[in-house]
Amino acid sequence: MRFTGESLTDGVVRHRIEGVEVPITDPARTIVDCFRYRTKAGLDVAMEGLREGLHRRRCTPDELWHHAHRTRVWSVMRPYLEAMVSDAA
């Protein structure tokens, strides 16, 4: 995928790997991007990412909301996130 503007920096952490600085998105941003490009990646990939991200505590619902709201995919993600969070309670 190609990103421009704020999408290049929001949720991106820079790591140094073998002397080279590499941009890597945080788990919440990665999950939101899976939902954003669900027609290409597949809804099953997005659902598994959401399930694993919450189960392994790699991200919080607030972080997911932040990235989903900025990329305008919150309305798509919301029912899935609510179902995952209500099942855990």
C-alpha atoms as a PDB file:
ATOM      1  CA  MET A   1       0.000   0.000   0.000  1.00  0.00           C
ATOM      2  CA  ARG A   2       1.079   3.563  -0.530  1.00  0.00           C
ATOM      3  CA  PHE A   3       0.433   6.253   2.036  1.00  0.00           C
ATOM      4  CA  THR A   4       0.821  10.016   1.965  1.00  0.00           C
ATOM      5  CA  GLY A   5       0.782  12.853   4.454  1.00  0.00           C
ATOM      6  CA  GLU A   6      -0.117  12.039   8.035  1.00  0.00           C
ATOM      7  CA  SER A   7      -0.638   8.355   7.190  1.00  0.00           C
ATOM      8  CA  LEU A   8       3.119   8.032   6.820  1.00  0.00           C
ATOM      9  CA  THR A   9       3.775   8.977  10.439  1.00  0.00           C
ATOM     10  CA  ASP A  10       0.657   8.140  12.483  1.00  0.00           C
ATOM     11  CA  GLY A  11       1.296   4.903  14.383  1.00  0.00           C
ATOM     12  CA  VAL A  12       4.720   4.412  12.830  1.00  0.00           C
ATOM     13  CA  VAL A  13       7.710   3.589  15.035  1.00  0.00           C
ATOM     14  CA  ARG A  14      11.236   3.685  13.659  1.00  0.00           C
ATOM     15  CA  HIS A  15      13.545   0.809  14.610  1.00  0.00           C
ATOM     16  CA  ARG A  16      17.203   0.340  13.812  1.00  0.00           C
ATOM     17  CA  ILE A  17      17.835  -3.086  12.295  1.00  0.00           C
ATOM     18  CA  GLU A  18      21.423  -3.945  11.388  1.00  0.00           C
ATOM     19  CA  GLY A  19      22.288  -0.249  11.196  1.00  0.00           C
ATOM     20  CA  VAL A  20      19.335   0.684   8.960  1.00  0.00           C
ATOM     21  CA  GLU A  21      16.408   2.721  10.276  1.00  0.00           C
ATOM     22  CA  VAL A  22      13.163   0.950   9.337  1.00  0.00           C
ATOM     23  CA  PRO A  23       9.602   2.312   9.778  1.00  0.00           C
ATOM     24  CA  ILE A  24       7.237  -0.251  11.325  1.00  0.00           C
ATOM     25  CA  THR A  25       3.578   0.351  12.168  1.00  0.00           C
ATOM     26  CA  ASP A  26       2.361  -0.418  15.666  1.00  0.00           C
ATOM     27  CA  PRO A  27      -0.094  -3.320  16.161  1.00  0.00           C
ATOM     28  CA  ALA A  28      -3.200  -1.108  16.418  1.00  0.00           C
ATOM     29  CA  ARG A  29      -2.381   0.682  13.165  1.00  0.00           C
ATOM     30  CA  THR A  30      -1.687  -2.647  11.429  1.00  0.00           C
ATOM     31  CA  ILE A  31      -5.065  -4.065  12.493  1.00  0.00           C
ATOM     32  CA  VAL A  32      -6.891  -0.934  11.355  1.00  0.00           C
ATOM     33  CA  ASP A  33      -5.096  -1.100   8.002  1.00  0.00           C
ATOM     34  CA  CYS A  34      -6.250  -4.719   7.636  1.00  0.00           C
ATOM     35  CA  PHE A  35      -9.854  -3.553   8.060  1.00  0.00           C
ATOM     36  CA  ARG A  36      -9.232  -0.599   5.769  1.00  0.00           C
ATOM     37  CA  TYR A  37      -7.999  -2.895   2.995  1.00  0.00           C
ATOM     38  CA  ARG A  38     -10.236  -5.842   3.860  1.00  0.00           C
ATOM     39  CA  THR A  39     -11.200  -6.414   0.224  1.00  0.00           C
ATOM     40  CA  LYS A  40      -7.548  -7.013  -0.641  1.00  0.00           C
ATOM     41  CA  ALA A  41      -6.311  -8.656   2.578  1.00  0.00           C
ATOM     42  CA  GLY A  42      -9.543 -10.456   3.449  1.00  0.00           C
ATOM     43  CA  LEU A  43     -11.956  -9.945   6.317  1.00  0.00           C
ATOM     44  CA  ASP A  44     -10.698 -13.153   7.950  1.00  0.00           C
ATOM     45  CA  VAL A  45      -7.199 -11.650   8.194  1.00  0.00           C
ATOM     46  CA  ALA A  46      -8.597  -8.471   9.771  1.00  0.00           C
ATOM     47  CA  MET A  47     -10.705 -10.472  12.248  1.00  0.00           C
ATOM     48  CA  GLU A  48      -7.806 -12.688  13.286  1.00  0.00           C
ATOM     49  CA  GLY A  49      -5.566  -9.645  13.724  1.00  0.00           C
ATOM     50  CA  LEU A  50      -8.187  -7.990  15.914  1.00  0.00           C
ATOM     51  CA  ARG A  51      -8.690 -11.160  17.972  1.00  0.00           C
ATOM     52  CA  GLU A  52      -4.963 -11.735  18.494  1.00  0.00           C
ATOM     53  CA  GLY A  53      -4.188  -8.072  19.132  1.00  0.00           C
ATOM     54  CA  LEU A  54      -6.747  -7.868  21.920  1.00  0.00           C
ATOM     55  CA  HIS A  55      -6.085 -11.346  23.330  1.00  0.00           C
ATOM     56  CA  ARG A  56      -2.309 -10.843  23.545  1.00  0.00           C
ATOM     57  CA  ARG A  57      -2.762  -7.252  24.768  1.00  0.00           C
ATOM     58  CA  ARG A  58      -0.730  -5.811  21.914  1.00  0.00           C
ATOM     59  CA  CYS A  59      -3.212  -2.942  21.615  1.00  0.00           C
ATOM     60  CA  THR A  60      -6.174  -1.424  23.412  1.00  0.00           C
ATOM     61  CA  PRO A  61      -9.639  -0.561  22.101  1.00  0.00           C
ATOM     62  CA  ASP A  62      -8.727   3.118  22.558  1.00  0.00           C
ATOM     63  CA  GLU A  63      -5.682   2.801  20.287  1.00  0.00           C
ATOM     64  CA  LEU A  64      -7.795   0.994  17.700  1.00  0.00           C
ATOM     65  CA  TRP A  65     -10.449   3.709  17.897  1.00  0.00           C
ATOM     66  CA  HIS A  66      -7.817   6.417  17.432  1.00  0.00           C
ATOM     67  CA  HIS A  67      -6.437   4.928  14.217  1.00  0.00           C
ATOM     68  CA  ALA A  68      -9.831   3.767  12.896  1.00  0.00           C
ATOM     69  CA  HIS A  69     -11.359   7.196  13.443  1.00  0.00           C
ATOM     70  CA  ARG A  70      -8.500   8.927  11.603  1.00  0.00           C
ATOM     71  CA  THR A  71      -8.736   6.573   8.620  1.00  0.00           C
ATOM     72  CA  ARG A  72     -12.554   6.660   8.546  1.00  0.00           C
ATOM     73  CA  VAL A  73     -12.943   2.923   9.002  1.00  0.00           C
ATOM     74  CA  TRP A  74     -14.488   3.089  12.494  1.00  0.00           C
ATOM     75  CA  SER A  75     -18.024   2.415  11.260  1.00  0.00           C
ATOM     76  CA  VAL A  76     -16.820  -0.841   9.684  1.00  0.00           C
ATOM     77  CA  MET A  77     -14.667  -1.910  12.641  1.00  0.00           C
ATOM     78  CA  ARG A  78     -16.999  -0.944  15.457  1.00  0.00           C
ATOM     79  CA  PRO A  79     -19.329  -3.997  15.440  1.00  0.00           C
ATOM     80  CA  TYR A  80     -16.390  -6.418  15.350  1.00  0.00           C
ATOM     81  CA  LEU A  81     -14.551  -4.624  18.141  1.00  0.00           C
ATOM     82  CA  GLU A  82     -17.674  -4.429  20.308  1.00  0.00           C
ATOM     83  CA  ALA A  83     -18.285  -8.157  19.842  1.00  0.00           C
ATOM     84  CA  MET A  84     -14.685  -9.002  20.788  1.00  0.00           C
ATOM     85  CA  VAL A  85     -14.709  -6.758  23.857  1.00  0.00           C
ATOM     86  CA  SER A  86     -18.119  -7.959  25.069  1.00  0.00           C
ATOM     87  CA  ASP A  87     -17.038 -11.617  24.710  1.00  0.00           C
ATOM     88  CA  ALA A  88     -14.021 -10.964  26.928  1.00  0.00           C
ATOM     89  CA  ALA A  89     -16.124  -9.446  29.707  1.00  0.00           C
END
